[in-house]
Amino acid sequence: MGIQRSVCWEAPAATDWLSILEILRAGGDTPIVRMIDNLPAFPDEIPAPDSQEVRISLGGGMITLRRTGPTRIDCLTWGNADTAQRAALERCAQAIAGLTHGTVDPLLDS
């Protein structure tokens, strides 16, 4: 069970993981990479551009960024996330939307 925000865009866009992390850092966050494609990662490791899933710690919890298509990335966190964690999830979705000129789908609780 989790909370998901999906970011979709129409035209091919640069969605490398480093750019997403840099946008979050520029906004005052300190994302730390924890896993890349279900494997443990060094905190300062840069995910390869073709990585499908990156898990970062942000806002006191874990957020998963999952590429689910050529023009879509899902942002997920635990269903029992507190207000700070939900805000961190929203910042991730908005950072990706800004990078891709995309839109954020409505909040999904599953």
N, C-alpha and C. Protein backbone atom coordinates (compact mmCIF):
# COMPACT_ATOMS: atom_id res chain seq x y z
N MET A 1 0.84 -1.17 0.00
CA MET A 1 0.00 0.00 0.00
C MET A 1 0.88 1.24 0.00
N GLY A 2 0.54 2.19 -0.86
CA GLY A 2 1.37 3.37 -0.95
C GLY A 2 0.63 4.55 -1.53
N ILE A 3 1.37 5.63 -1.68
CA ILE A 3 0.87 6.86 -2.26
C ILE A 3 1.68 7.10 -3.52
N GLN A 4 1.00 7.44 -4.59
CA GLN A 4 1.67 7.60 -5.88
C GLN A 4 1.27 8.90 -6.56
N ARG A 5 2.27 9.58 -7.12
CA ARG A 5 2.06 10.72 -8.03
C ARG A 5 2.75 10.35 -9.32
N SER A 6 2.05 10.42 -10.42
CA SER A 6 2.62 10.10 -11.73
C SER A 6 2.81 11.37 -12.53
N VAL A 7 3.96 11.48 -13.16
CA VAL A 7 4.26 12.63 -14.00
C VAL A 7 4.32 12.14 -15.44
N CYS A 8 3.53 12.76 -16.30
CA CYS A 8 3.47 12.38 -17.72
C CYS A 8 3.78 13.59 -18.57
N TRP A 9 4.41 13.35 -19.70
CA TRP A 9 4.71 14.41 -20.64
C TRP A 9 4.56 13.87 -22.04
N GLU A 10 4.48 14.78 -23.02
CA GLU A 10 4.20 14.37 -24.40
C GLU A 10 5.46 14.20 -25.24
N ALA A 11 6.29 15.19 -25.27
CA ALA A 11 7.47 15.14 -26.13
C ALA A 11 8.64 14.49 -25.39
N PRO A 12 9.53 13.86 -26.11
CA PRO A 12 10.73 13.32 -25.45
C PRO A 12 11.42 14.44 -24.67
N ALA A 13 11.82 14.13 -23.47
CA ALA A 13 12.45 15.13 -22.62
C ALA A 13 13.65 14.52 -21.91
N ALA A 14 14.58 15.38 -21.54
CA ALA A 14 15.74 14.92 -20.78
C ALA A 14 15.30 14.60 -19.36
N THR A 15 15.30 13.34 -19.02
CA THR A 15 14.85 12.94 -17.68
C THR A 15 15.93 12.13 -16.98
N ASP A 16 17.17 12.57 -17.13
CA ASP A 16 18.22 11.83 -16.43
C ASP A 16 18.08 12.08 -14.93
N TRP A 17 18.46 11.09 -14.18
CA TRP A 17 18.27 11.11 -12.73
C TRP A 17 19.06 12.24 -12.08
N LEU A 18 20.25 12.52 -12.59
CA LEU A 18 21.06 13.58 -12.00
C LEU A 18 20.34 14.93 -12.07
N SER A 19 19.70 15.21 -13.19
CA SER A 19 18.96 16.48 -13.31
C SER A 19 17.84 16.57 -12.29
N ILE A 20 17.15 15.46 -12.07
CA ILE A 20 16.06 15.45 -11.08
C ILE A 20 16.62 15.72 -9.69
N LEU A 21 17.72 15.04 -9.34
CA LEU A 21 18.33 15.24 -8.02
C LEU A 21 18.84 16.67 -7.86
N GLU A 22 19.40 17.24 -8.92
CA GLU A 22 19.90 18.61 -8.84
C GLU A 22 18.78 19.62 -8.66
N ILE A 23 17.63 19.39 -9.29
CA ILE A 23 16.49 20.29 -9.10
C ILE A 23 16.02 20.24 -7.65
N LEU A 24 15.98 19.04 -7.08
CA LEU A 24 15.58 18.92 -5.68
C LEU A 24 16.58 19.64 -4.77
N ARG A 25 17.87 19.48 -5.05
CA ARG A 25 18.89 20.16 -4.24
C ARG A 25 18.79 21.67 -4.38
N ALA A 26 18.53 22.14 -5.59
CA ALA A 26 18.39 23.59 -5.81
C ALA A 26 17.22 24.16 -5.02
N GLY A 27 16.21 23.32 -4.76
CA GLY A 27 15.05 23.74 -3.99
C GLY A 27 15.26 23.62 -2.48
N GLY A 28 16.46 23.22 -2.06
CA GLY A 28 16.76 23.14 -0.63
C GLY A 28 16.67 21.75 -0.03
N ASP A 29 16.32 20.75 -0.84
CA ASP A 29 16.26 19.37 -0.34
C ASP A 29 17.65 18.73 -0.39
N THR A 30 17.78 17.63 0.33
CA THR A 30 19.03 16.87 0.31
C THR A 30 18.73 15.40 0.03
N PRO A 31 18.36 15.08 -1.22
CA PRO A 31 18.07 13.69 -1.55
C PRO A 31 19.34 12.84 -1.46
N ILE A 32 19.20 11.66 -0.91
CA ILE A 32 20.31 10.72 -0.81
C ILE A 32 19.90 9.45 -1.53
N VAL A 33 20.68 9.05 -2.52
CA VAL A 33 20.39 7.84 -3.28
C VAL A 33 20.63 6.63 -2.37
N ARG A 34 19.64 5.74 -2.30
CA ARG A 34 19.73 4.54 -1.46
C ARG A 34 19.76 3.26 -2.29
N MET A 35 18.99 3.23 -3.38
CA MET A 35 18.94 2.04 -4.23
C MET A 35 18.79 2.46 -5.69
N ILE A 36 19.38 1.66 -6.57
CA ILE A 36 19.23 1.86 -8.01
C ILE A 36 18.86 0.51 -8.61
N ASP A 37 17.72 0.45 -9.26
CA ASP A 37 17.24 -0.80 -9.87
C ASP A 37 17.31 -1.98 -8.90
N ASN A 38 16.78 -1.76 -7.70
CA ASN A 38 16.67 -2.77 -6.64
C ASN A 38 18.00 -3.25 -6.08
N LEU A 39 19.07 -2.49 -6.28
CA LEU A 39 20.37 -2.82 -5.71
C LEU A 39 20.82 -1.68 -4.82
N PRO A 40 21.48 -1.98 -3.69
CA PRO A 40 21.98 -0.92 -2.83
C PRO A 40 22.93 0.01 -3.59
N ALA A 41 22.90 1.28 -3.24
CA ALA A 41 23.74 2.27 -3.90
C ALA A 41 24.51 3.07 -2.86
N PHE A 42 25.63 3.62 -3.27
CA PHE A 42 26.35 4.54 -2.42
C PHE A 42 25.56 5.85 -2.37
N PRO A 43 25.59 6.56 -1.24
CA PRO A 43 24.78 7.78 -1.11
C PRO A 43 25.06 8.84 -2.18
N ASP A 44 26.28 8.90 -2.68
CA ASP A 44 26.62 9.90 -3.69
C ASP A 44 26.67 9.31 -5.10
N GLU A 45 26.20 8.08 -5.26
CA GLU A 45 26.21 7.43 -6.57
C GLU A 45 25.21 8.10 -7.51
N ILE A 46 25.62 8.26 -8.76
CA ILE A 46 24.75 8.84 -9.77
C ILE A 46 24.14 7.70 -10.59
N PRO A 47 22.82 7.57 -10.58
CA PRO A 47 22.19 6.50 -11.36
C PRO A 47 22.46 6.66 -12.86
N ALA A 48 22.68 5.55 -13.53
CA ALA A 48 22.87 5.58 -14.99
C ALA A 48 21.59 6.10 -15.65
N PRO A 49 21.72 6.78 -16.78
CA PRO A 49 20.53 7.32 -17.45
C PRO A 49 19.49 6.26 -17.80
N ASP A 50 19.91 5.02 -18.01
CA ASP A 50 18.95 3.98 -18.38
C ASP A 50 18.38 3.22 -17.17
N SER A 51 18.71 3.66 -15.96
CA SER A 51 18.15 3.04 -14.76
C SER A 51 16.64 3.22 -14.76
N GLN A 52 15.92 2.20 -14.32
CA GLN A 52 14.46 2.24 -14.33
C GLN A 52 13.87 2.69 -13.00
N GLU A 53 14.64 2.49 -11.90
CA GLU A 53 14.08 2.83 -10.59
C GLU A 53 15.19 3.34 -9.68
N VAL A 54 14.91 4.44 -9.01
CA VAL A 54 15.84 5.04 -8.07
C VAL A 54 15.08 5.31 -6.78
N ARG A 55 15.65 4.86 -5.67
CA ARG A 55 15.04 5.15 -4.36
C ARG A 55 15.94 6.13 -3.63
N ILE A 56 15.30 7.18 -3.14
CA ILE A 56 16.03 8.22 -2.42
C ILE A 56 15.41 8.42 -1.05
N SER A 57 16.25 8.83 -0.10
CA SER A 57 15.69 9.26 1.17
C SER A 57 15.51 10.77 1.08
N LEU A 58 14.35 11.21 1.51
CA LEU A 58 13.98 12.61 1.40
C LEU A 58 12.82 12.86 2.35
N GLY A 59 12.86 13.94 3.06
CA GLY A 59 11.76 14.29 3.94
C GLY A 59 11.57 13.32 5.09
N GLY A 60 12.63 12.66 5.51
CA GLY A 60 12.54 11.73 6.62
C GLY A 60 12.06 10.34 6.25
N GLY A 61 11.93 10.06 4.96
CA GLY A 61 11.47 8.74 4.53
C GLY A 61 12.02 8.40 3.15
N MET A 62 11.50 7.32 2.59
CA MET A 62 11.96 6.82 1.30
C MET A 62 10.95 7.17 0.21
N ILE A 63 11.47 7.60 -0.93
CA ILE A 63 10.65 7.87 -2.11
C ILE A 63 11.24 7.08 -3.26
N THR A 64 10.38 6.38 -3.98
CA THR A 64 10.78 5.63 -5.15
C THR A 64 10.40 6.42 -6.39
N LEU A 65 11.35 6.57 -7.30
CA LEU A 65 11.12 7.19 -8.59
C LEU A 65 11.25 6.08 -9.61
N ARG A 66 10.16 5.77 -10.29
CA ARG A 66 10.13 4.61 -11.20
C ARG A 66 9.73 5.05 -12.60
N ARG A 67 10.62 4.79 -13.56
CA ARG A 67 10.32 5.08 -14.96
C ARG A 67 9.37 3.98 -15.45
N THR A 68 8.15 4.35 -15.81
CA THR A 68 7.15 3.36 -16.23
C THR A 68 6.79 3.49 -17.70
N GLY A 69 7.55 4.27 -18.42
CA GLY A 69 7.36 4.44 -19.85
C GLY A 69 8.29 5.53 -20.35
N PRO A 70 8.36 5.72 -21.64
CA PRO A 70 9.27 6.74 -22.18
C PRO A 70 8.86 8.16 -21.82
N THR A 71 7.61 8.35 -21.44
CA THR A 71 7.13 9.69 -21.10
C THR A 71 6.37 9.67 -19.76
N ARG A 72 6.86 8.86 -18.82
CA ARG A 72 6.19 8.79 -17.52
C ARG A 72 7.15 8.31 -16.44
N ILE A 73 7.10 8.99 -15.30
CA ILE A 73 7.80 8.57 -14.09
C ILE A 73 6.81 8.61 -12.94
N ASP A 74 6.74 7.53 -12.18
CA ASP A 74 5.89 7.47 -10.99
C ASP A 74 6.74 7.77 -9.76
N CYS A 75 6.19 8.55 -8.85
CA CYS A 75 6.82 8.86 -7.57
C CYS A 75 5.96 8.19 -6.50
N LEU A 76 6.60 7.35 -5.66
CA LEU A 76 5.84 6.58 -4.68
C LEU A 76 6.46 6.68 -3.29
N THR A 77 5.60 6.58 -2.28
CA THR A 77 6.05 6.48 -0.90
C THR A 77 5.05 5.64 -0.13
N TRP A 78 5.33 5.39 1.13
CA TRP A 78 4.49 4.53 1.97
C TRP A 78 3.11 5.15 2.20
N GLY A 79 2.12 4.30 2.35
CA GLY A 79 0.75 4.75 2.57
C GLY A 79 0.55 5.47 3.89
N ASN A 80 1.42 5.18 4.86
CA ASN A 80 1.28 5.83 6.17
C ASN A 80 2.20 7.04 6.30
N ALA A 81 2.60 7.62 5.18
CA ALA A 81 3.50 8.76 5.19
C ALA A 81 2.88 9.94 5.93
N ASP A 82 3.72 10.63 6.70
CA ASP A 82 3.23 11.80 7.42
C ASP A 82 3.19 13.01 6.48
N THR A 83 2.81 14.14 7.01
CA THR A 83 2.65 15.35 6.20
C THR A 83 3.96 15.75 5.53
N ALA A 84 5.08 15.65 6.24
CA ALA A 84 6.38 16.03 5.68
C ALA A 84 6.76 15.11 4.52
N GLN A 85 6.48 13.82 4.66
CA GLN A 85 6.81 12.87 3.61
C GLN A 85 5.93 13.07 2.38
N ARG A 86 4.67 13.37 2.61
CA ARG A 86 3.77 13.65 1.48
C ARG A 86 4.21 14.92 0.75
N ALA A 87 4.69 15.91 1.49
CA ALA A 87 5.19 17.13 0.86
C ALA A 87 6.45 16.84 0.05
N ALA A 88 7.32 15.97 0.56
CA ALA A 88 8.52 15.58 -0.18
C ALA A 88 8.15 14.86 -1.47
N LEU A 89 7.15 14.00 -1.40
CA LEU A 89 6.66 13.30 -2.59
C LEU A 89 6.18 14.30 -3.63
N GLU A 90 5.44 15.29 -3.18
CA GLU A 90 4.93 16.32 -4.08
C GLU A 90 6.07 17.12 -4.71
N ARG A 91 7.11 17.43 -3.93
CA ARG A 91 8.25 18.17 -4.47
C ARG A 91 8.96 17.36 -5.56
N CYS A 92 9.06 16.05 -5.35
CA CYS A 92 9.67 15.19 -6.38
C CYS A 92 8.85 15.23 -7.67
N ALA A 93 7.55 15.08 -7.54
CA ALA A 93 6.67 15.09 -8.72
C ALA A 93 6.75 16.43 -9.44
N GLN A 94 6.74 17.51 -8.69
CA GLN A 94 6.79 18.84 -9.30
C GLN A 94 8.15 19.10 -9.96
N ALA A 95 9.23 18.58 -9.37
CA ALA A 95 10.56 18.74 -9.97
C ALA A 95 10.62 18.04 -11.32
N ILE A 96 10.08 16.84 -11.40
CA ILE A 96 10.07 16.10 -12.66
C ILE A 96 9.17 16.78 -13.68
N ALA A 97 8.02 17.26 -13.22
CA ALA A 97 7.10 17.97 -14.13
C ALA A 97 7.76 19.22 -14.69
N GLY A 98 8.48 19.94 -13.86
CA GLY A 98 9.17 21.13 -14.33
C GLY A 98 10.26 20.81 -15.34
N LEU A 99 10.98 19.73 -15.09
CA LEU A 99 12.06 19.31 -16.00
C LEU A 99 11.53 18.88 -17.35
N THR A 100 10.40 18.20 -17.35
CA THR A 100 9.86 17.61 -18.58
C THR A 100 8.75 18.45 -19.23
N HIS A 101 8.34 19.53 -18.57
CA HIS A 101 7.18 20.32 -19.00
C HIS A 101 5.95 19.41 -19.03
N GLY A 102 5.88 18.53 -18.05
CA GLY A 102 4.78 17.57 -17.97
C GLY A 102 3.73 17.98 -16.96
N THR A 103 2.82 17.06 -16.71
CA THR A 103 1.75 17.29 -15.73
C THR A 103 1.78 16.18 -14.70
N VAL A 104 1.30 16.53 -13.52
CA VAL A 104 1.25 15.57 -12.42
C VAL A 104 -0.19 15.05 -12.31
N ASP A 105 -0.35 13.73 -12.40
CA ASP A 105 -1.67 13.13 -12.27
C ASP A 105 -2.17 13.31 -10.84
N PRO A 106 -3.46 13.18 -10.62
CA PRO A 106 -4.00 13.30 -9.27
C PRO A 106 -3.39 12.26 -8.32
N LEU A 107 -3.40 12.61 -7.05
CA LEU A 107 -2.86 11.75 -6.00
C LEU A 107 -3.60 10.42 -5.95
N LEU A 108 -2.85 9.32 -5.91
CA LEU A 108 -3.43 8.00 -5.81
C LEU A 108 -2.99 7.33 -4.52
N ASP A 109 -3.94 6.92 -3.70
CA ASP A 109 -3.66 6.11 -2.52
C ASP A 109 -4.09 4.70 -2.86
N SER A 110 -3.17 3.75 -2.69
CA SER A 110 -3.54 2.36 -3.01
C SER A 110 -3.31 1.45 -1.83
